């Protein structure tokens, strides 16, 4: 790839990254993150909350009831209310994350993500396995 050909794209990306780095939301996010990392008690509380969040996501994907979600929300709200360091970090993470989410939405229409949905990927692997059985010993890009 010729970088000179795409120099304007790279310069614009660098400029966007610099604007993000100098935004108040990013600055607040980094400062809140550092405060949380330097506070072992609140860091532990945060990590426990994050683990509960992951556990909740797993349980909901396995079809468990939503009452577990309500328990998680209650735990989260109580912990956040009692821990200003965790609260500040979560708010800063959310606010900066919203900016990144909006930027992603701008690029979403031009990036063909759904070319290989889960079913299509399964079909593709099935076709590759069939091809391997038909022509053993031949190489492909995958082996």
C-alpha atoms as a PDB file:
ATOM      1  CA  UNK A   1       0.000   0.000   0.000  1.00  0.00           C
ATOM      2  CA  UNK A   2       1.270   3.422  -0.876  1.00  0.00           C
ATOM      3  CA  UNK A   3       1.126   5.630   2.205  1.00  0.00           C
ATOM      4  CA  UNK A   4       1.671   8.776   0.128  1.00  0.00           C
ATOM      5  CA  UNK A   5      -1.525   8.006  -1.760  1.00  0.00           C
ATOM      6  CA  UNK A   6      -3.506   7.990   1.502  1.00  0.00           C
ATOM      7  CA  UNK A   7      -1.571  10.706   3.318  1.00  0.00           C
ATOM      8  CA  UNK A   8      -4.636  12.934   3.752  1.00  0.00           C
ATOM      9  CA  UNK A   9      -6.576  10.070   5.388  1.00  0.00           C
ATOM     10  CA  UNK A  10      -3.726   9.388   7.829  1.00  0.00           C
ATOM     11  CA  UNK A  11      -3.289  13.073   8.614  1.00  0.00           C
ATOM     12  CA  UNK A  12      -7.007  13.379   9.316  1.00  0.00           C
ATOM     13  CA  UNK A  13      -6.900  10.297  11.560  1.00  0.00           C
ATOM     14  CA  UNK A  14      -3.935  11.754  13.450  1.00  0.00           C
ATOM     15  CA  UNK A  15      -5.819  15.023  13.847  1.00  0.00           C
ATOM     16  CA  UNK A  16      -8.910  13.185  15.140  1.00  0.00           C
ATOM     17  CA  UNK A  17      -6.773  11.261  17.647  1.00  0.00           C
ATOM     18  CA  UNK A  18      -5.232  14.517  18.857  1.00  0.00           C
ATOM     19  CA  UNK A  19      -8.669  16.122  19.232  1.00  0.00           C
ATOM     20  CA  UNK A  20      -9.777  13.114  21.278  1.00  0.00           C
ATOM     21  CA  UNK A  21      -6.647  13.239  23.457  1.00  0.00           C
ATOM     22  CA  UNK A  22      -7.200  16.912  24.216  1.00  0.00           C
ATOM     23  CA  UNK A  23     -10.952  16.684  24.823  1.00  0.00           C
ATOM     24  CA  UNK A  24     -12.226  17.396  28.343  1.00  0.00           C
ATOM     25  CA  UNK A  25     -13.994  14.004  28.357  1.00  0.00           C
ATOM     26  CA  UNK A  26     -10.773  12.122  27.651  1.00  0.00           C
ATOM     27  CA  UNK A  27      -8.814  14.160  30.178  1.00  0.00           C
ATOM     28  CA  UNK A  28     -11.439  13.504  32.844  1.00  0.00           C
ATOM     29  CA  UNK A  29     -11.536   9.797  31.926  1.00  0.00           C
ATOM     30  CA  UNK A  30      -7.748   9.438  32.276  1.00  0.00           C
ATOM     31  CA  UNK A  31      -7.667  11.357  35.567  1.00  0.00           C
ATOM     32  CA  UNK A  32     -10.562   9.312  37.014  1.00  0.00           C
ATOM     33  CA  UNK A  33      -8.886   6.108  35.833  1.00  0.00           C
ATOM     34  CA  UNK A  34      -5.626   7.067  37.552  1.00  0.00           C
ATOM     35  CA  UNK A  35      -7.445   7.928  40.790  1.00  0.00           C
ATOM     36  CA  UNK A  36      -9.197   4.562  40.682  1.00  0.00           C
ATOM     37  CA  UNK A  37      -5.963   2.672  39.943  1.00  0.00           C
ATOM     38  CA  UNK A  38      -4.230   4.403  42.869  1.00  0.00           C
ATOM     39  CA  UNK A  39      -7.031   3.528  45.315  1.00  0.00           C
ATOM     40  CA  UNK A  40      -6.830  -0.201  46.180  1.00  0.00           C
ATOM     41  CA  UNK A  41     -10.150  -0.323  48.048  1.00  0.00           C
ATOM     42  CA  UNK A  42     -12.207   1.369  45.352  1.00  0.00           C
ATOM     43  CA  UNK A  43     -10.303  -0.453  42.608  1.00  0.00           C
ATOM     44  CA  UNK A  44     -11.359  -3.753  44.220  1.00  0.00           C
ATOM     45  CA  UNK A  45     -14.963  -2.571  44.467  1.00  0.00           C
ATOM     46  CA  UNK A  46     -14.876  -1.549  40.827  1.00  0.00           C
ATOM     47  CA  UNK A  47     -13.381  -4.873  39.730  1.00  0.00           C
ATOM     48  CA  UNK A  48     -16.066  -6.763  41.672  1.00  0.00           C
ATOM     49  CA  UNK A  49     -18.762  -4.666  40.013  1.00  0.00           C
ATOM     50  CA  UNK A  50     -17.240  -5.246  36.583  1.00  0.00           C
ATOM     51  CA  UNK A  51     -17.108  -8.998  37.276  1.00  0.00           C
ATOM     52  CA  UNK A  52     -20.785  -8.925  38.285  1.00  0.00           C
ATOM     53  CA  UNK A  53     -21.516  -7.137  35.036  1.00  0.00           C
ATOM     54  CA  UNK A  54     -19.735  -9.852  33.023  1.00  0.00           C
ATOM     55  CA  UNK A  55     -21.485 -12.573  35.015  1.00  0.00           C
ATOM     56  CA  UNK A  56     -24.822 -10.899  34.336  1.00  0.00           C
ATOM     57  CA  UNK A  57     -24.136 -10.712  30.612  1.00  0.00           C
ATOM     58  CA  UNK A  58     -23.201 -14.401  30.607  1.00  0.00           C
ATOM     59  CA  UNK A  59     -26.269 -15.436  32.588  1.00  0.00           C
ATOM     60  CA  UNK A  60     -28.618 -13.430  30.369  1.00  0.00           C
ATOM     61  CA  UNK A  61     -27.092 -14.954  27.254  1.00  0.00           C
ATOM     62  CA  UNK A  62     -27.796 -18.364  28.816  1.00  0.00           C
ATOM     63  CA  UNK A  63     -31.456 -17.405  29.288  1.00  0.00           C
ATOM     64  CA  UNK A  64     -31.622 -16.762  33.030  1.00  0.00           C
ATOM     65  CA  UNK A  65     -34.288 -14.480  34.456  1.00  0.00           C
ATOM     66  CA  UNK A  66     -33.997 -10.705  34.517  1.00  0.00           C
ATOM     67  CA  UNK A  67     -34.317 -10.566  38.329  1.00  0.00           C
ATOM     68  CA  UNK A  68     -30.548 -11.111  38.428  1.00  0.00           C
ATOM     69  CA  UNK A  69     -30.220  -7.943  36.360  1.00  0.00           C
ATOM     70  CA  UNK A  70     -32.195  -6.028  38.955  1.00  0.00           C
ATOM     71  CA  UNK A  71     -29.933  -7.333  41.735  1.00  0.00           C
ATOM     72  CA  UNK A  72     -26.897  -6.216  39.749  1.00  0.00           C
ATOM     73  CA  UNK A  73     -28.357  -2.747  39.199  1.00  0.00           C
ATOM     74  CA  UNK A  74     -29.129  -2.443  42.907  1.00  0.00           C
ATOM     75  CA  UNK A  75     -25.580  -3.508  43.864  1.00  0.00           C
ATOM     76  CA  UNK A  76     -24.117  -1.130  41.332  1.00  0.00           C
ATOM     77  CA  UNK A  77     -26.188   1.821  42.465  1.00  0.00           C
ATOM     78  CA  UNK A  78     -25.361   1.225  46.138  1.00  0.00           C
ATOM     79  CA  UNK A  79     -21.640   0.884  45.447  1.00  0.00           C
ATOM     80  CA  UNK A  80     -21.529   3.912  43.181  1.00  0.00           C
ATOM     81  CA  UNK A  81     -23.473   6.026  45.645  1.00  0.00           C
ATOM     82  CA  UNK A  82     -21.072   5.101  48.445  1.00  0.00           C
ATOM     83  CA  UNK A  83     -17.846   5.410  46.428  1.00  0.00           C
ATOM     84  CA  UNK A  84     -17.263   8.753  44.722  1.00  0.00           C
ATOM     85  CA  UNK A  85     -14.029   7.490  43.103  1.00  0.00           C
ATOM     86  CA  UNK A  86     -15.861   4.597  41.413  1.00  0.00           C
ATOM     87  CA  UNK A  87     -18.777   6.870  40.530  1.00  0.00           C
ATOM     88  CA  UNK A  88     -16.464   9.434  38.950  1.00  0.00           C
ATOM     89  CA  UNK A  89     -14.672   6.779  36.913  1.00  0.00           C
ATOM     90  CA  UNK A  90     -17.894   5.169  35.665  1.00  0.00           C
ATOM     91  CA  UNK A  91     -19.285   8.550  34.620  1.00  0.00           C
ATOM     92  CA  UNK A  92     -16.058   9.536  32.889  1.00  0.00           C
ATOM     93  CA  UNK A  93     -15.871   6.140  31.140  1.00  0.00           C
ATOM     94  CA  UNK A  94     -19.462   6.524  29.981  1.00  0.00           C
ATOM     95  CA  UNK A  95     -19.007  10.078  28.689  1.00  0.00           C
ATOM     96  CA  UNK A  96     -15.832   9.309  26.741  1.00  0.00           C
ATOM     97  CA  UNK A  97     -17.342   6.041  25.510  1.00  0.00           C
ATOM     98  CA  UNK A  98     -20.290   7.946  24.053  1.00  0.00           C
ATOM     99  CA  UNK A  99     -17.903  10.010  21.918  1.00  0.00           C
ATOM    100  CA  UNK A 100     -16.178   6.861  20.652  1.00  0.00           C
ATOM    101  CA  UNK A 101     -19.573   5.269  19.992  1.00  0.00           C
ATOM    102  CA  UNK A 102     -20.669   8.264  17.898  1.00  0.00           C
ATOM    103  CA  UNK A 103     -17.437   8.164  15.913  1.00  0.00           C
ATOM    104  CA  UNK A 104     -17.969   4.441  15.285  1.00  0.00           C
ATOM    105  CA  UNK A 105     -21.485   5.182  14.029  1.00  0.00           C
ATOM    106  CA  UNK A 106     -20.005   7.549  11.450  1.00  0.00           C
ATOM    107  CA  UNK A 107     -17.823   4.771  10.028  1.00  0.00           C
ATOM    108  CA  UNK A 108     -20.370   1.977  10.350  1.00  0.00           C
ATOM    109  CA  UNK A 109     -22.100   2.560   6.984  1.00  0.00           C
ATOM    110  CA  UNK A 110     -18.850   2.194   5.022  1.00  0.00           C
ATOM    111  CA  UNK A 111     -17.529  -0.950   6.741  1.00  0.00           C
ATOM    112  CA  UNK A 112     -19.197  -4.209   5.611  1.00  0.00           C
ATOM    113  CA  UNK A 113     -19.285  -5.990   8.991  1.00  0.00           C
ATOM    114  CA  UNK A 114     -22.146  -8.343   8.272  1.00  0.00           C
ATOM    115  CA  UNK A 115     -20.659 -10.120   5.261  1.00  0.00           C
ATOM    116  CA  UNK A 116     -19.956 -13.175   7.405  1.00  0.00           C
ATOM    117  CA  UNK A 117     -22.704 -13.575   9.981  1.00  0.00           C
ATOM    118  CA  UNK A 118     -22.460 -16.505  12.405  1.00  0.00           C
ATOM    119  CA  UNK A 119     -24.484 -18.778  10.110  1.00  0.00           C
ATOM    120  CA  UNK A 120     -22.387 -17.817   7.112  1.00  0.00           C
ATOM    121  CA  UNK A 121     -19.170 -18.506   9.009  1.00  0.00           C
ATOM    122  CA  UNK A 122     -20.486 -21.954   9.942  1.00  0.00           C
ATOM    123  CA  UNK A 123     -21.337 -22.563   6.296  1.00  0.00           C
ATOM    124  CA  UNK A 124     -17.887 -21.390   5.234  1.00  0.00           C
ATOM    125  CA  UNK A 125     -16.135 -23.738   7.685  1.00  0.00           C
ATOM    126  CA  UNK A 126     -18.330 -26.592   6.518  1.00  0.00           C
ATOM    127  CA  UNK A 127     -17.386 -25.902   2.897  1.00  0.00           C
ATOM    128  CA  UNK A 128     -13.704 -25.722   3.803  1.00  0.00           C
ATOM    129  CA  UNK A 129     -13.878 -29.033   5.694  1.00  0.00           C
ATOM    130  CA  UNK A 130     -15.605 -30.650   2.718  1.00  0.00           C
ATOM    131  CA  UNK A 131     -12.965 -29.281   0.359  1.00  0.00           C
ATOM    132  CA  UNK A 132     -10.191 -30.604   2.631  1.00  0.00           C
ATOM    133  CA  UNK A 133     -11.745 -34.081   2.612  1.00  0.00           C
ATOM    134  CA  UNK A 134     -12.067 -34.053  -1.162  1.00  0.00           C
ATOM    135  CA  UNK A 135      -8.489 -32.936  -1.747  1.00  0.00           C
ATOM    136  CA  UNK A 136      -6.309 -34.175   1.132  1.00  0.00           C
ATOM    137  CA  UNK A 137      -2.764 -32.950   1.091  1.00  0.00           C
ATOM    138  CA  UNK A 138      -3.528 -29.837  -0.887  1.00  0.00           C
ATOM    139  CA  UNK A 139      -2.851 -26.553   0.810  1.00  0.00           C
ATOM    140  CA  UNK A 140      -5.051 -23.529   1.162  1.00  0.00           C
ATOM    141  CA  UNK A 141      -4.652 -20.131   2.742  1.00  0.00           C
ATOM    142  CA  UNK A 142      -5.899 -21.585   6.029  1.00  0.00           C
ATOM    143  CA  UNK A 143      -3.501 -24.487   6.439  1.00  0.00           C
END
